[in-house]
């Protein structure tokens, strides 16, 4: 029983190399193509993406109402609210995309 994992080398963001891990081994060192680094299982990459997506959605759903209250009490330029709304929609969509993939 083997598991495909994504290899991440130190000082390199993502190395496009797949490694096979031995049975029961969850973390290890990738030696393929001379690259040595930490092996991160795909399940944990997806878990991080899911949590990051939830965090983005939480930030948007908490900052936009706070911005509305700030605008009511202190006032902002008229153009700021639509820009913040569009940025919120983009961030919320990015969070949804991260959670679904």
Protein backbone atom coordinates (compact mmCIF):
# COMPACT_ATOMS: atom_id res chain seq x y z
CA UNK A 1 0.00 0.00 0.00
CA UNK A 2 1.60 3.26 -1.08
CA UNK A 3 0.52 6.85 -1.02
CA UNK A 4 1.27 9.62 -3.53
CA UNK A 5 2.46 12.79 -1.88
CA UNK A 6 3.56 16.23 -2.92
CA UNK A 7 7.23 17.00 -2.27
CA UNK A 8 8.14 20.37 -0.87
CA UNK A 9 11.83 21.19 -0.70
CA UNK A 10 13.34 23.77 1.63
CA UNK A 11 13.75 27.20 0.02
CA UNK A 12 11.46 26.13 -2.85
CA UNK A 13 7.70 26.71 -2.82
CA UNK A 14 6.48 23.53 -4.56
CA UNK A 15 8.51 20.96 -6.46
CA UNK A 16 6.52 19.12 -9.16
CA UNK A 17 7.70 15.68 -8.07
CA UNK A 18 5.62 12.80 -6.74
CA UNK A 19 7.02 10.37 -4.18
CA UNK A 20 5.90 6.98 -3.02
CA UNK A 21 5.90 6.47 0.72
CA UNK A 22 6.34 3.12 2.44
CA UNK A 23 3.38 1.56 4.23
CA UNK A 24 2.48 3.42 7.40
CA UNK A 25 4.95 6.25 6.80
CA UNK A 26 3.24 9.62 6.91
CA UNK A 27 6.18 12.03 6.74
CA UNK A 28 9.51 11.44 5.08
CA UNK A 29 12.28 12.75 2.84
CA UNK A 30 11.89 12.94 -0.93
CA UNK A 31 14.99 11.95 -2.86
CA UNK A 32 13.52 11.90 -6.37
CA UNK A 33 15.52 13.85 -9.00
CA UNK A 34 18.05 14.89 -6.37
CA UNK A 35 15.51 16.95 -4.41
CA UNK A 36 15.54 16.52 -0.67
CA UNK A 37 12.76 18.00 1.40
CA UNK A 38 9.67 17.44 3.46
CA UNK A 39 6.93 15.21 2.04
CA UNK A 40 3.42 16.55 2.69
CA UNK A 41 0.49 14.15 2.12
CA UNK A 42 -2.26 15.43 -0.16
CA UNK A 43 -4.86 15.00 2.61
CA UNK A 44 -3.10 17.61 4.73
CA UNK A 45 -2.74 20.02 1.79
CA UNK A 46 -6.50 19.77 1.21
CA UNK A 47 -7.18 20.27 4.93
CA UNK A 48 -5.09 23.45 4.93
CA UNK A 49 -6.87 24.73 1.83
CA UNK A 50 -10.24 24.01 3.47
CA UNK A 51 -9.26 25.86 6.65
CA UNK A 52 -7.85 28.80 4.68
CA UNK A 53 -11.09 29.03 2.70
CA UNK A 54 -13.13 29.04 5.89
CA UNK A 55 -10.87 31.74 7.35
CA UNK A 56 -11.31 33.93 4.25
CA UNK A 57 -15.09 33.56 4.42
CA UNK A 58 -15.12 34.32 8.15
CA UNK A 59 -13.02 37.44 7.63
CA UNK A 60 -15.32 38.71 4.88
CA UNK A 61 -18.49 37.98 6.86
CA UNK A 62 -17.13 39.80 9.90
CA UNK A 63 -15.31 42.76 8.29
CA UNK A 64 -18.08 43.90 5.94
CA UNK A 65 -20.71 44.45 8.69
CA UNK A 66 -18.05 46.15 10.83
CA UNK A 67 -17.25 48.40 7.88
CA UNK A 68 -20.93 49.30 7.53
CA UNK A 69 -21.10 50.26 11.21
CA UNK A 70 -17.89 52.29 10.87
CA UNK A 71 -19.35 54.09 7.86
CA UNK A 72 -22.58 54.89 9.75
CA UNK A 73 -20.76 56.33 12.78
CA UNK A 74 -17.76 58.05 11.21
CA UNK A 75 -18.53 58.33 7.49
CA UNK A 76 -16.43 57.33 4.52
CA UNK A 77 -16.12 58.49 0.97
CA UNK A 78 -18.96 57.22 -1.18
CA UNK A 79 -16.69 55.16 -3.45
CA UNK A 80 -15.15 53.18 -0.58
CA UNK A 81 -18.24 51.07 0.16
CA UNK A 82 -18.70 49.63 -3.38
CA UNK A 83 -14.98 48.93 -3.64
CA UNK A 84 -15.00 47.09 -0.30
CA UNK A 85 -18.12 45.17 -1.33
CA UNK A 86 -16.47 44.02 -4.57
CA UNK A 87 -13.30 43.05 -2.68
CA UNK A 88 -15.47 41.12 -0.20
CA UNK A 89 -17.24 39.27 -3.00
CA UNK A 90 -13.91 38.32 -4.60
CA UNK A 91 -12.43 37.13 -1.28
CA UNK A 92 -15.59 35.19 -0.41
CA UNK A 93 -15.55 33.51 -3.83
CA UNK A 94 -11.86 32.65 -3.39
CA UNK A 95 -12.66 31.13 0.01
CA UNK A 96 -15.49 29.10 -1.49
CA UNK A 97 -13.20 27.89 -4.27
CA UNK A 98 -10.54 26.82 -1.74
CA UNK A 99 -13.10 24.96 0.35
CA UNK A 100 -14.65 23.09 -2.60
CA UNK A 101 -11.40 21.94 -4.22
